[in-house]
Full PDB file with SEQRES, HELIX, SHEET, SSBOND, CRYST1, ORIGX, SCALE, CONECT and MASTER records, all heavy atoms in Angstrom:
SEQRES   1 A   34  PHE VAL ASP GLY TYR VAL LEU ASP LYS PRO PHE ASP ASP          
SEQRES   2 A   34  ALA CYS ILE GLU GLY THR ILE ALA ASP VAL PRO TYR MET          
SEQRES   3 A   34  ILE GLY PHE THR GLN ASN ASP PRO                              
HELIX    1 AA1 PHE A   11  GLU A   17  1                                   7    
CRYST1    1.000    1.000    1.000  90.00  90.00  90.00 P 1           1          
ORIGX1      1.000000  0.000000  0.000000        0.00000                         
ORIGX2      0.000000  1.000000  0.000000        0.00000                         
ORIGX3      0.000000  0.000000  1.000000        0.00000                         
SCALE1      1.000000  0.000000  0.000000        0.00000                         
SCALE2      0.000000  1.000000  0.000000        0.00000                         
SCALE3      0.000000  0.000000  1.000000        0.00000                         
ATOM      1  N   PHE A   1      41.785  11.947 144.663  1.00  0.00           N  
ATOM      2  CA  PHE A   1      40.800  13.005 144.788  1.00  0.00           C  
ATOM      3  C   PHE A   1      41.174  13.936 145.945  1.00  0.00           C  
ATOM      4  O   PHE A   1      41.752  13.497 146.942  1.00  0.00           O  
ATOM      5  CB  PHE A   1      39.411  12.413 145.037  1.00  0.00           C  
ATOM      6  CG  PHE A   1      39.097  11.219 144.181  1.00  0.00           C  
ATOM      7  CD1 PHE A   1      38.732  10.008 144.750  1.00  0.00           C  
ATOM      8  CD2 PHE A   1      39.174  11.305 142.800  1.00  0.00           C  
ATOM      9  CE1 PHE A   1      38.447   8.897 143.965  1.00  0.00           C  
ATOM     10  CE2 PHE A   1      38.894  10.205 142.003  1.00  0.00           C  
ATOM     11  CZ  PHE A   1      38.535   9.001 142.590  1.00  0.00           C  
ATOM     12  N   VAL A   2      40.848  15.207 145.819  1.00  0.00           N  
ATOM     13  CA  VAL A   2      41.050  16.150 146.911  1.00  0.00           C  
ATOM     14  C   VAL A   2      39.873  15.970 147.868  1.00  0.00           C  
ATOM     15  O   VAL A   2      38.770  16.467 147.621  1.00  0.00           O  
ATOM     16  CB  VAL A   2      41.138  17.594 146.389  1.00  0.00           C  
ATOM     17  CG1 VAL A   2      41.310  18.572 147.552  1.00  0.00           C  
ATOM     18  CG2 VAL A   2      42.298  17.723 145.405  1.00  0.00           C  
ATOM     19  N   ASP A   3      40.112  15.217 148.927  1.00  0.00           N  
ATOM     20  CA  ASP A   3      39.033  14.770 149.800  1.00  0.00           C  
ATOM     21  C   ASP A   3      38.988  15.474 151.151  1.00  0.00           C  
ATOM     22  O   ASP A   3      38.078  15.244 151.942  1.00  0.00           O  
ATOM     23  CB  ASP A   3      39.142  13.258 150.030  1.00  0.00           C  
ATOM     24  CG  ASP A   3      40.468  12.864 150.688  1.00  0.00           C  
ATOM     25  OD1 ASP A   3      41.329  13.741 150.896  1.00  0.00           O  
ATOM     26  OD2 ASP A   3      40.653  11.663 150.988  1.00  0.00           O  
ATOM     27  N   GLY A   4      39.980  16.324 151.440  1.00  0.00           N  
ATOM     28  CA  GLY A   4      40.003  16.995 152.722  1.00  0.00           C  
ATOM     29  C   GLY A   4      40.515  16.127 153.854  1.00  0.00           C  
ATOM     30  O   GLY A   4      40.556  16.568 155.012  1.00  0.00           O  
ATOM     31  N   TYR A   5      40.922  14.924 153.537  1.00  0.00           N  
ATOM     32  CA  TYR A   5      41.430  13.999 154.557  1.00  0.00           C  
ATOM     33  C   TYR A   5      42.810  13.485 154.166  1.00  0.00           C  
ATOM     34  O   TYR A   5      43.808  13.852 154.770  1.00  0.00           O  
ATOM     35  CB  TYR A   5      40.451  12.838 154.753  1.00  0.00           C  
ATOM     36  CG  TYR A   5      40.963  11.734 155.648  1.00  0.00           C  
ATOM     37  CD1 TYR A   5      41.378  11.998 156.946  1.00  0.00           C  
ATOM     38  CD2 TYR A   5      41.019  10.408 155.199  1.00  0.00           C  
ATOM     39  CE1 TYR A   5      41.854  10.985 157.772  1.00  0.00           C  
ATOM     40  CE2 TYR A   5      41.482   9.381 156.010  1.00  0.00           C  
ATOM     41  CZ  TYR A   5      41.900   9.679 157.298  1.00  0.00           C  
ATOM     42  OH  TYR A   5      42.370   8.677 158.111  1.00  0.00           O  
ATOM     43  N   VAL A   6      42.887  12.670 153.123  1.00  0.00           N  
ATOM     44  CA  VAL A   6      44.186  12.232 152.608  1.00  0.00           C  
ATOM     45  C   VAL A   6      44.892  13.403 151.931  1.00  0.00           C  
ATOM     46  O   VAL A   6      46.100  13.618 152.112  1.00  0.00           O  
ATOM     47  CB  VAL A   6      44.013  11.068 151.619  1.00  0.00           C  
ATOM     48  CG1 VAL A   6      45.353  10.674 151.008  1.00  0.00           C  
ATOM     49  CG2 VAL A   6      43.384   9.865 152.322  1.00  0.00           C  
ATOM     50  N   LEU A   7      44.140  14.170 151.150  1.00  0.00           N  
ATOM     51  CA  LEU A   7      44.665  15.351 150.470  1.00  0.00           C  
ATOM     52  C   LEU A   7      43.716  16.516 150.705  1.00  0.00           C  
ATOM     53  O   LEU A   7      42.533  16.421 150.366  1.00  0.00           O  
ATOM     54  CB  LEU A   7      44.807  15.098 148.963  1.00  0.00           C  
ATOM     55  CG  LEU A   7      45.847  14.071 148.521  1.00  0.00           C  
ATOM     56  CD1 LEU A   7      45.741  13.847 147.019  1.00  0.00           C  
ATOM     57  CD2 LEU A   7      47.245  14.508 148.894  1.00  0.00           C  
ATOM     58  N   ASP A   8      44.235  17.587 151.273  1.00  0.00           N  
ATOM     59  CA  ASP A   8      43.363  18.747 151.494  1.00  0.00           C  
ATOM     60  C   ASP A   8      43.491  19.789 150.400  1.00  0.00           C  
ATOM     61  O   ASP A   8      42.722  20.755 150.364  1.00  0.00           O  
ATOM     62  CB  ASP A   8      43.603  19.372 152.870  1.00  0.00           C  
ATOM     63  CG  ASP A   8      45.058  19.687 153.136  1.00  0.00           C  
ATOM     64  OD1 ASP A   8      45.866  19.666 152.177  1.00  0.00           O  
ATOM     65  OD2 ASP A   8      45.407  19.955 154.298  1.00  0.00           O  
ATOM     66  N   LYS A   9      44.443  19.604 149.492  1.00  0.00           N  
ATOM     67  CA  LYS A   9      44.586  20.503 148.346  1.00  0.00           C  
ATOM     68  C   LYS A   9      45.438  19.820 147.285  1.00  0.00           C  
ATOM     69  O   LYS A   9      46.195  18.883 147.597  1.00  0.00           O  
ATOM     70  CB  LYS A   9      45.206  21.843 148.760  1.00  0.00           C  
ATOM     71  CG  LYS A   9      46.578  21.717 149.427  1.00  0.00           C  
ATOM     72  CD  LYS A   9      47.167  23.084 149.763  1.00  0.00           C  
ATOM     73  CE  LYS A   9      46.438  23.788 150.867  1.00  0.00           C  
ATOM     74  NZ  LYS A   9      46.656  23.186 152.217  1.00  0.00           N  
ATOM     75  N   PRO A  10      45.362  20.240 146.028  1.00  0.00           N  
ATOM     76  CA  PRO A  10      46.239  19.674 144.994  1.00  0.00           C  
ATOM     77  C   PRO A  10      47.710  19.906 145.335  1.00  0.00           C  
ATOM     78  O   PRO A  10      48.060  20.873 146.014  1.00  0.00           O  
ATOM     79  CB  PRO A  10      45.835  20.431 143.730  1.00  0.00           C  
ATOM     80  CG  PRO A  10      44.451  20.921 143.996  1.00  0.00           C  
ATOM     81  CD  PRO A  10      44.417  21.221 145.469  1.00  0.00           C  
ATOM     82  N   PHE A  11      48.577  19.021 144.826  1.00  0.00           N  
ATOM     83  CA  PHE A  11      50.003  19.122 145.119  1.00  0.00           C  
ATOM     84  C   PHE A  11      50.554  20.490 144.742  1.00  0.00           C  
ATOM     85  O   PHE A  11      51.319  21.093 145.506  1.00  0.00           O  
ATOM     86  CB  PHE A  11      50.778  18.036 144.374  1.00  0.00           C  
ATOM     87  CG  PHE A  11      52.266  18.238 144.424  1.00  0.00           C  
ATOM     88  CD1 PHE A  11      52.999  17.854 145.532  1.00  0.00           C  
ATOM     89  CD2 PHE A  11      52.939  18.846 143.365  1.00  0.00           C  
ATOM     90  CE1 PHE A  11      54.375  18.067 145.605  1.00  0.00           C  
ATOM     91  CE2 PHE A  11      54.309  19.058 143.412  1.00  0.00           C  
ATOM     92  CZ  PHE A  11      55.027  18.670 144.529  1.00  0.00           C  
ATOM     93  N   ASP A  12      50.202  20.993 143.555  1.00  0.00           N  
ATOM     94  CA  ASP A  12      50.778  22.258 143.106  1.00  0.00           C  
ATOM     95  C   ASP A  12      50.414  23.403 144.053  1.00  0.00           C  
ATOM     96  O   ASP A  12      51.248  24.255 144.357  1.00  0.00           O  
ATOM     97  CB  ASP A  12      50.309  22.570 141.683  1.00  0.00           C  
ATOM     98  CG  ASP A  12      50.787  21.527 140.678  1.00  0.00           C  
ATOM     99  OD1 ASP A  12      51.945  21.095 140.799  1.00  0.00           O  
ATOM    100  OD2 ASP A  12      50.012  21.141 139.803  1.00  0.00           O  
ATOM    101  N   ASP A  13      49.185  23.403 144.533  1.00  0.00           N  
ATOM    102  CA  ASP A  13      48.778  24.434 145.496  1.00  0.00           C  
ATOM    103  C   ASP A  13      49.559  24.288 146.795  1.00  0.00           C  
ATOM    104  O   ASP A  13      50.007  25.279 147.389  1.00  0.00           O  
ATOM    105  CB  ASP A  13      47.278  24.339 145.781  1.00  0.00           C  
ATOM    106  CG  ASP A  13      46.422  24.682 144.569  1.00  0.00           C  
ATOM    107  OD1 ASP A  13      46.983  25.198 143.575  1.00  0.00           O  
ATOM    108  OD2 ASP A  13      45.208  24.426 144.614  1.00  0.00           O  
ATOM    109  N   ALA A  14      49.714  23.044 147.255  1.00  0.00           N  
ATOM    110  CA  ALA A  14      50.450  22.806 148.492  1.00  0.00           C  
ATOM    111  C   ALA A  14      51.905  23.238 148.350  1.00  0.00           C  
ATOM    112  O   ALA A  14      52.497  23.800 149.279  1.00  0.00           O  
ATOM    113  CB  ALA A  14      50.371  21.331 148.869  1.00  0.00           C  
ATOM    114  N   CYS A  15      52.459  22.999 147.173  1.00  0.00           N  
ATOM    115  CA  CYS A  15      53.850  23.393 146.909  1.00  0.00           C  
ATOM    116  C   CYS A  15      53.994  24.911 146.988  1.00  0.00           C  
ATOM    117  O   CYS A  15      54.866  25.438 147.695  1.00  0.00           O  
ATOM    118  CB  CYS A  15      54.253  22.870 145.539  1.00  0.00           C  
ATOM    119  SG  CYS A  15      56.017  22.912 145.196  1.00  0.00           S  
ATOM    120  N   ILE A  16      53.131  25.620 146.286  1.00  0.00           N  
ATOM    121  CA  ILE A  16      53.195  27.083 146.253  1.00  0.00           C  
ATOM    122  C   ILE A  16      52.936  27.668 147.639  1.00  0.00           C  
ATOM    123  O   ILE A  16      53.574  28.637 148.053  1.00  0.00           O  
ATOM    124  CB  ILE A  16      52.190  27.627 145.221  1.00  0.00           C  
ATOM    125  CG1 ILE A  16      52.645  27.244 143.801  1.00  0.00           C  
ATOM    126  CG2 ILE A  16      52.047  29.145 145.335  1.00  0.00           C  
ATOM    127  CD1 ILE A  16      51.615  27.497 142.725  1.00  0.00           C  
ATOM    128  N   GLU A  17      52.036  27.047 148.389  1.00  0.00           N  
ATOM    129  CA  GLU A  17      51.714  27.543 149.725  1.00  0.00           C  
ATOM    130  C   GLU A  17      52.741  27.137 150.773  1.00  0.00           C  
ATOM    131  O   GLU A  17      52.687  27.598 151.920  1.00  0.00           O  
ATOM    132  CB  GLU A  17      50.332  27.036 150.144  1.00  0.00           C  
ATOM    133  CG  GLU A  17      49.194  27.614 149.308  1.00  0.00           C  
ATOM    134  CD  GLU A  17      47.857  26.971 149.617  1.00  0.00           C  
ATOM    135  OE1 GLU A  17      47.730  26.366 150.716  1.00  0.00           O  
ATOM    136  OE2 GLU A  17      46.938  27.073 148.779  1.00  0.00           O  
ATOM    137  N   GLY A  18      53.669  26.259 150.399  1.00  0.00           N  
ATOM    138  CA  GLY A  18      54.735  25.872 151.320  1.00  0.00           C  
ATOM    139  C   GLY A  18      54.338  24.830 152.334  1.00  0.00           C  
ATOM    140  O   GLY A  18      54.949  24.752 153.412  1.00  0.00           O  
ATOM    141  N   THR A  19      53.335  23.990 151.998  1.00  0.00           N  
ATOM    142  CA  THR A  19      52.885  23.000 152.969  1.00  0.00           C  
ATOM    143  C   THR A  19      53.311  21.577 152.627  1.00  0.00           C  
ATOM    144  O   THR A  19      52.916  20.637 153.329  1.00  0.00           O  
ATOM    145  CB  THR A  19      51.346  23.047 153.100  1.00  0.00           C  
ATOM    146  OG1 THR A  19      50.741  22.802 151.830  1.00  0.00           O  
ATOM    147  CG2 THR A  19      50.895  24.391 153.640  1.00  0.00           C  
ATOM    148  N   ILE A  20      54.101  21.377 151.562  1.00  0.00           N  
ATOM    149  CA  ILE A  20      54.602  20.029 151.290  1.00  0.00           C  
ATOM    150  C   ILE A  20      55.733  19.712 152.262  1.00  0.00           C  
ATOM    151  O   ILE A  20      56.256  20.586 152.952  1.00  0.00           O  
ATOM    152  CB  ILE A  20      55.065  19.857 149.827  1.00  0.00           C  
ATOM    153  CG1 ILE A  20      56.317  20.697 149.532  1.00  0.00           C  
ATOM    154  CG2 ILE A  20      53.956  20.180 148.855  1.00  0.00           C  
ATOM    155  CD1 ILE A  20      56.963  20.341 148.196  1.00  0.00           C  
ATOM    156  N   ALA A  21      56.109  18.449 152.319  1.00  0.00           N  
ATOM    157  CA  ALA A  21      57.131  18.001 153.263  1.00  0.00           C  
ATOM    158  C   ALA A  21      58.410  18.823 153.119  1.00  0.00           C  
ATOM    159  O   ALA A  21      58.924  18.994 152.005  1.00  0.00           O  
ATOM    160  CB  ALA A  21      57.420  16.525 153.042  1.00  0.00           C  
ATOM    161  N   ASP A  22      58.903  19.309 154.220  1.00  0.00           N  
ATOM    162  CA  ASP A  22      60.114  20.123 154.243  1.00  0.00           C  
ATOM    163  C   ASP A  22      61.323  19.207 154.357  1.00  0.00           C  
ATOM    164  O   ASP A  22      61.952  19.081 155.412  1.00  0.00           O  
ATOM    165  CB  ASP A  22      60.043  21.100 155.422  1.00  0.00           C  
ATOM    166  CG  ASP A  22      61.193  22.109 155.413  1.00  0.00           C  
ATOM    167  OD1 ASP A  22      61.810  22.298 154.346  1.00  0.00           O  
ATOM    168  OD2 ASP A  22      61.482  22.678 156.482  1.00  0.00           O  
ATOM    169  N   VAL A  23      61.655  18.533 153.242  1.00  0.00           N  
ATOM    170  CA  VAL A  23      62.744  17.561 153.198  1.00  0.00           C  
ATOM    171  C   VAL A  23      63.584  17.823 151.955  1.00  0.00           C  
ATOM    172  O   VAL A  23      63.131  18.488 151.025  1.00  0.00           O  
ATOM    173  CB  VAL A  23      62.194  16.112 153.161  1.00  0.00           C  
ATOM    174  CG1 VAL A  23      61.340  15.817 154.392  1.00  0.00           C  
ATOM    175  CG2 VAL A  23      61.395  15.842 151.883  1.00  0.00           C  
ATOM    176  N   PRO A  24      64.809  17.299 151.892  1.00  0.00           N  
ATOM    177  CA  PRO A  24      65.590  17.406 150.653  1.00  0.00           C  
ATOM    178  C   PRO A  24      64.946  16.577 149.540  1.00  0.00           C  
ATOM    179  O   PRO A  24      64.361  15.521 149.797  1.00  0.00           O  
ATOM    180  CB  PRO A  24      66.957  16.825 151.037  1.00  0.00           C  
ATOM    181  CG  PRO A  24      66.982  16.781 152.522  1.00  0.00           C  
ATOM    182  CD  PRO A  24      65.570  16.638 152.968  1.00  0.00           C  
ATOM    183  N   TYR A  25      65.084  17.056 148.301  1.00  0.00           N  
ATOM    184  CA  TYR A  25      64.491  16.378 147.147  1.00  0.00           C  
ATOM    185  C   TYR A  25      65.540  16.139 146.070  1.00  0.00           C  
ATOM    186  O   TYR A  25      66.449  16.961 145.866  1.00  0.00           O  
ATOM    187  CB  TYR A  25      63.367  17.215 146.535  1.00  0.00           C  
ATOM    188  CG  TYR A  25      62.126  17.320 147.379  1.00  0.00           C  
ATOM    189  CD1 TYR A  25      62.003  18.308 148.355  1.00  0.00           C  
ATOM    190  CD2 TYR A  25      61.063  16.434 147.208  1.00  0.00           C  
ATOM    191  CE1 TYR A  25      60.859  18.409 149.138  1.00  0.00           C  
ATOM    192  CE2 TYR A  25      59.909  16.528 147.978  1.00  0.00           C  
ATOM    193  CZ  TYR A  25      59.819  17.518 148.942  1.00  0.00           C  
ATOM    194  OH  TYR A  25      58.688  17.615 149.709  1.00  0.00           O  
ATOM    195  N   MET A  26      65.390  15.018 145.368  1.00  0.00           N  
ATOM    196  CA  MET A  26      66.007  14.820 144.058  1.00  0.00           C  
ATOM    197  C   MET A  26      64.861  14.709 143.070  1.00  0.00           C  
ATOM    198  O   MET A  26      63.847  14.078 143.358  1.00  0.00           O  
ATOM    199  CB  MET A  26      66.843  13.533 144.015  1.00  0.00           C  
ATOM    200  CG  MET A  26      68.308  13.690 144.385  1.00  0.00           C  
ATOM    201  SD  MET A  26      69.168  12.085 144.419  1.00  0.00           S  
ATOM    202  CE  MET A  26      68.848  11.460 142.773  1.00  0.00           C  
ATOM    203  N   ILE A  27      65.032  15.303 141.898  1.00  0.00           N  
ATOM    204  CA  ILE A  27      63.952  15.292 140.918  1.00  0.00           C  
ATOM    205  C   ILE A  27      64.547  15.291 139.516  1.00  0.00           C  
ATOM    206  O   ILE A  27      65.527  15.990 139.244  1.00  0.00           O  
ATOM    207  CB  ILE A  27      63.008  16.501 141.129  1.00  0.00           C  
ATOM    208  CG1 ILE A  27      61.809  16.435 140.190  1.00  0.00           C  
ATOM    209  CG2 ILE A  27      63.748  17.826 141.026  1.00  0.00           C  
ATOM    210  CD1 ILE A  27      60.702  17.428 140.547  1.00  0.00           C  
ATOM    211  N   GLY A  28      63.983  14.477 138.624  1.00  0.00           N  
ATOM    212  CA  GLY A  28      64.545  14.425 137.283  1.00  0.00           C  
ATOM    213  C   GLY A  28      63.643  13.719 136.295  1.00  0.00           C  
ATOM    214  O   GLY A  28      62.497  13.368 136.593  1.00  0.00           O  
ATOM    215  N   PHE A  29      64.189  13.487 135.093  1.00  0.00           N  
ATOM    216  CA  PHE A  29      63.416  12.909 133.999  1.00  0.00           C  
ATOM    217  C   PHE A  29      64.359  12.264 133.010  1.00  0.00           C  
ATOM    218  O   PHE A  29      65.593  12.375 133.137  1.00  0.00           O  
ATOM    219  CB  PHE A  29      62.560  13.983 133.330  1.00  0.00           C  
ATOM    220  CG  PHE A  29      63.330  15.062 132.587  1.00  0.00           C  
ATOM    221  CD1 PHE A  29      63.080  15.309 131.247  1.00  0.00           C  
ATOM    222  CD2 PHE A  29      64.299  15.845 133.226  1.00  0.00           C  
ATOM    223  CE1 PHE A  29      63.771  16.296 130.552  1.00  0.00           C  
ATOM    224  CE2 PHE A  29      64.993  16.835 132.545  1.00  0.00           C  
ATOM    225  CZ  PHE A  29      64.728  17.057 131.198  1.00  0.00           C  
ATOM    226  N   THR A  30      63.803  11.571 132.023  1.00  0.00           N  
ATOM    227  CA  THR A  30      64.619  10.962 130.980  1.00  0.00           C  
ATOM    228  C   THR A  30      64.594  11.848 129.738  1.00  0.00           C  
ATOM    229  O   THR A  30      63.688  12.660 129.546  1.00  0.00           O  
ATOM    230  CB  THR A  30      64.111   9.556 130.615  1.00  0.00           C  
ATOM    231  OG1 THR A  30      62.852   9.673 129.955  1.00  0.00           O  
ATOM    232  CG2 THR A  30      63.970   8.675 131.839  1.00  0.00           C  
ATOM    233  N   GLN A  31      65.561  11.641 128.887  1.00  0.00           N  
ATOM    234  CA  GLN A  31      65.722  12.479 127.705  1.00  0.00           C  
ATOM    235  C   GLN A  31      64.490  12.448 126.797  1.00  0.00           C  
ATOM    236  O   GLN A  31      64.143  13.452 126.179  1.00  0.00           O  
ATOM    237  CB  GLN A  31      66.953  12.017 126.928  1.00  0.00           C  
ATOM    238  CG  GLN A  31      67.414  12.957 125.843  1.00  0.00           C  
ATOM    239  CD  GLN A  31      68.740  12.501 125.255  1.00  0.00           C  
ATOM    240  OE1 GLN A  31      68.886  11.348 124.848  1.00  0.00           O  
ATOM    241  NE2 GLN A  31      69.718  13.384 125.233  1.00  0.00           N  
ATOM    242  N   ASN A  32      63.810  11.307 126.724  1.00  0.00           N  
ATOM    243  CA  ASN A  32      62.645  11.183 125.854  1.00  0.00           C  
ATOM    244  C   ASN A  32      61.326  11.468 126.563  1.00  0.00           C  
ATOM    245  O   ASN A  32      60.259  11.311 125.966  1.00  0.00           O  
ATOM    246  CB  ASN A  32      62.578   9.771 125.240  1.00  0.00           C  
ATOM    247  CG  ASN A  32      63.678   9.528 124.226  1.00  0.00           C  
ATOM    248  OD1 ASN A  32      64.648  10.261 124.163  1.00  0.00           O  
ATOM    249  ND2 ASN A  32      63.537   8.477 123.449  1.00  0.00           N  
ATOM    250  N   ASP A  33      61.358  11.857 127.822  1.00  0.00           N  
ATOM    251  CA  ASP A  33      60.137  12.253 128.508  1.00  0.00           C  
ATOM    252  C   ASP A  33      59.564  13.498 127.840  1.00  0.00           C  
ATOM    253  O   ASP A  33      60.283  14.232 127.144  1.00  0.00           O  
ATOM    254  CB  ASP A  33      60.429  12.553 129.984  1.00  0.00           C  
ATOM    255  CG  ASP A  33      60.321  11.325 130.875  1.00  0.00           C  
ATOM    256  OD1 ASP A  33      59.548  10.419 130.542  1.00  0.00           O  
ATOM    257  OD2 ASP A  33      61.006  11.284 131.919  1.00  0.00           O  
ATOM    258  N   PRO A  34      58.277  13.791 128.044  1.00  0.00           N  
ATOM    259  CA  PRO A  34      57.690  15.002 127.436  1.00  0.00           C  
ATOM    260  C   PRO A  34      58.466  16.261 127.809  1.00  0.00           C  
ATOM    261  O   PRO A  34      58.923  16.400 128.954  1.00  0.00           O  
ATOM    262  CB  PRO A  34      56.280  15.028 128.035  1.00  0.00           C  
ATOM    263  CG  PRO A  34      55.974  13.612 128.348  1.00  0.00           C  
ATOM    264  CD  PRO A  34      57.285  13.001 128.790  1.00  0.00           C  
TER     265      PRO A  34                                                      
MASTER        0    0    0    1    0    0    0    6  264    1    0    3          
END                                                                             
């Protein structure tokens, strides 16, 4: 839940606003994933 303590905004909003962790990322999926 967006509780203002553990999470102050949804991840997507935080991403767009530039407030997610400023670290290198690897990201991927499997061929049969949606």
